Amino acid sequence: MVKVHLATTNQPAAWRVRDALAAHPLLGGALAQIHIKAGADGIILEGWAHDEQVIRLAMQLACRAAGQRAVQHRLHLRAIGK
């Protein structure tokens, strides 16, 4: 599941990244829960993902959608069902 964080200040950028991530079957399902914060400093992905591969995929897609904005993540690993 991918959502735009309520505290985001750059709504267009956050929704663009959210749409890119949510369109992917691995990120739109139960393998991750990502909240996107976008502001003047860049874009931050917060939440959890099932494994490192899912985190790398999320970062790759977010960087593509973010354009020139800096992207960082605060995603933690979490096993499914916990």
C-alpha atoms as a PDB file:
ATOM      1  CA  MET A   1       0.000   0.000   0.000  1.00  0.00           C
ATOM      2  CA  VAL A   2       1.314   3.434  -0.913  1.00  0.00           C
ATOM      3  CA  LYS A   3      -0.150   6.658   0.494  1.00  0.00           C
ATOM      4  CA  VAL A   4       0.660  10.354   0.521  1.00  0.00           C
ATOM      5  CA  HIS A   5       1.505  11.483   4.064  1.00  0.00           C
ATOM      6  CA  LEU A   6      -0.825  14.076   5.571  1.00  0.00           C
ATOM      7  CA  ALA A   7       2.102  16.380   6.424  1.00  0.00           C
ATOM      8  CA  THR A   8       3.358  16.676   2.844  1.00  0.00           C
ATOM      9  CA  THR A   9       3.762  20.234   1.576  1.00  0.00           C
ATOM     10  CA  ASN A  10       4.403  19.463  -2.093  1.00  0.00           C
ATOM     11  CA  GLN A  11       1.247  17.626  -3.091  1.00  0.00           C
ATOM     12  CA  PRO A  12       1.921  17.357  -6.865  1.00  0.00           C
ATOM     13  CA  ALA A  13       5.335  15.743  -6.351  1.00  0.00           C
ATOM     14  CA  ALA A  14       4.011  13.402  -3.660  1.00  0.00           C
ATOM     15  CA  TRP A  15       1.122  12.220  -5.827  1.00  0.00           C
ATOM     16  CA  ARG A  16       3.377  11.719  -8.845  1.00  0.00           C
ATOM     17  CA  VAL A  17       5.667   9.456  -6.792  1.00  0.00           C
ATOM     18  CA  ARG A  18       2.695   7.712  -5.176  1.00  0.00           C
ATOM     19  CA  ASP A  19       1.164   6.931  -8.561  1.00  0.00           C
ATOM     20  CA  ALA A  20       4.471   5.531  -9.848  1.00  0.00           C
ATOM     21  CA  LEU A  21       4.905   3.261  -6.821  1.00  0.00           C
ATOM     22  CA  ALA A  22       1.279   2.150  -6.547  1.00  0.00           C
ATOM     23  CA  ALA A  23       1.210   1.115 -10.202  1.00  0.00           C
ATOM     24  CA  HIS A  24       3.800  -1.598  -9.543  1.00  0.00           C
ATOM     25  CA  PRO A  25       2.263  -4.924  -8.407  1.00  0.00           C
ATOM     26  CA  LEU A  26       4.878  -5.525  -5.688  1.00  0.00           C
ATOM     27  CA  LEU A  27       4.413  -2.102  -4.132  1.00  0.00           C
ATOM     28  CA  GLY A  28       0.668  -1.769  -4.562  1.00  0.00           C
ATOM     29  CA  GLY A  29       0.054  -4.967  -2.612  1.00  0.00           C
ATOM     30  CA  ALA A  30       0.941  -6.388   0.766  1.00  0.00           C
ATOM     31  CA  LEU A  31       4.746  -6.397   0.391  1.00  0.00           C
ATOM     32  CA  ALA A  32       5.135  -2.802   1.541  1.00  0.00           C
ATOM     33  CA  GLN A  33       3.431   0.015   3.368  1.00  0.00           C
ATOM     34  CA  ILE A  34       4.901   3.316   2.233  1.00  0.00           C
ATOM     35  CA  HIS A  35       3.932   6.866   3.133  1.00  0.00           C
ATOM     36  CA  ILE A  36       5.328   9.615   0.913  1.00  0.00           C
ATOM     37  CA  LYS A  37       6.295  13.017   2.309  1.00  0.00           C
ATOM     38  CA  ALA A  38       7.267  15.691  -0.181  1.00  0.00           C
ATOM     39  CA  GLY A  39       8.468  19.166   0.654  1.00  0.00           C
ATOM     40  CA  ALA A  40      10.985  21.803  -0.309  1.00  0.00           C
ATOM     41  CA  ASP A  41      13.886  19.575   0.796  1.00  0.00           C
ATOM     42  CA  GLY A  42      12.866  16.612  -1.347  1.00  0.00           C
ATOM     43  CA  ILE A  43      10.901  13.414  -1.007  1.00  0.00           C
ATOM     44  CA  ILE A  44      10.993  10.893   1.834  1.00  0.00           C
ATOM     45  CA  LEU A  45       9.593   7.368   1.738  1.00  0.00           C
ATOM     46  CA  GLU A  46       8.578   6.179   5.211  1.00  0.00           C
ATOM     47  CA  GLY A  47       7.209   2.850   6.369  1.00  0.00           C
ATOM     48  CA  TRP A  48       8.224  -0.761   5.840  1.00  0.00           C
ATOM     49  CA  ALA A  49       8.924  -3.272   3.115  1.00  0.00           C
ATOM     50  CA  HIS A  50       9.196  -7.052   2.991  1.00  0.00           C
ATOM     51  CA  ASP A  51      12.835  -7.176   1.845  1.00  0.00           C
ATOM     52  CA  GLU A  52      15.754  -5.169   0.462  1.00  0.00           C
ATOM     53  CA  GLN A  53      14.702  -5.831  -3.129  1.00  0.00           C
ATOM     54  CA  VAL A  54      11.348  -4.144  -2.526  1.00  0.00           C
ATOM     55  CA  ILE A  55      13.119  -1.149  -0.957  1.00  0.00           C
ATOM     56  CA  ARG A  56      15.472  -0.849  -3.941  1.00  0.00           C
ATOM     57  CA  LEU A  57      12.517  -1.059  -6.332  1.00  0.00           C
ATOM     58  CA  ALA A  58      10.631   1.648  -4.428  1.00  0.00           C
ATOM     59  CA  MET A  59      13.672   3.924  -4.472  1.00  0.00           C
ATOM     60  CA  GLN A  60      14.286   3.359  -8.178  1.00  0.00           C
ATOM     61  CA  LEU A  61      10.688   4.179  -9.100  1.00  0.00           C
ATOM     62  CA  ALA A  62      10.567   7.150  -6.730  1.00  0.00           C
ATOM     63  CA  CYS A  63      13.774   8.632  -8.166  1.00  0.00           C
ATOM     64  CA  ARG A  64      12.400   8.359 -11.695  1.00  0.00           C
ATOM     65  CA  ALA A  65       9.128  10.040 -10.734  1.00  0.00           C
ATOM     66  CA  ALA A  66      10.771  12.727  -8.576  1.00  0.00           C
ATOM     67  CA  GLY A  67      12.800  14.259 -11.385  1.00  0.00           C
ATOM     68  CA  GLN A  68      15.455  16.586  -9.910  1.00  0.00           C
ATOM     69  CA  ARG A  69      14.182  16.308  -6.329  1.00  0.00           C
ATOM     70  CA  ALA A  70      16.260  14.432  -3.772  1.00  0.00           C
ATOM     71  CA  VAL A  71      14.753  11.132  -2.611  1.00  0.00           C
ATOM     72  CA  GLN A  72      15.597   9.329   0.599  1.00  0.00           C
ATOM     73  CA  HIS A  73      13.987   6.494   2.458  1.00  0.00           C
ATOM     74  CA  ARG A  74      13.190   5.616   6.022  1.00  0.00           C
ATOM     75  CA  LEU A  75      11.889   2.180   5.163  1.00  0.00           C
ATOM     76  CA  HIS A  76      12.388  -0.674   7.583  1.00  0.00           C
ATOM     77  CA  LEU A  77      12.371  -4.389   6.879  1.00  0.00           C
ATOM     78  CA  ARG A  78       9.347  -6.228   8.174  1.00  0.00           C
ATOM     79  CA  ALA A  79       8.319  -9.832   7.672  1.00  0.00           C
ATOM     80  CA  ILE A  80       4.878 -10.464   6.195  1.00  0.00           C
ATOM     81  CA  GLY A  81       2.236 -11.212   8.812  1.00  0.00           C
ATOM     82  CA  LYS A  82       3.862  -9.259  11.657  1.00  0.00           C
END
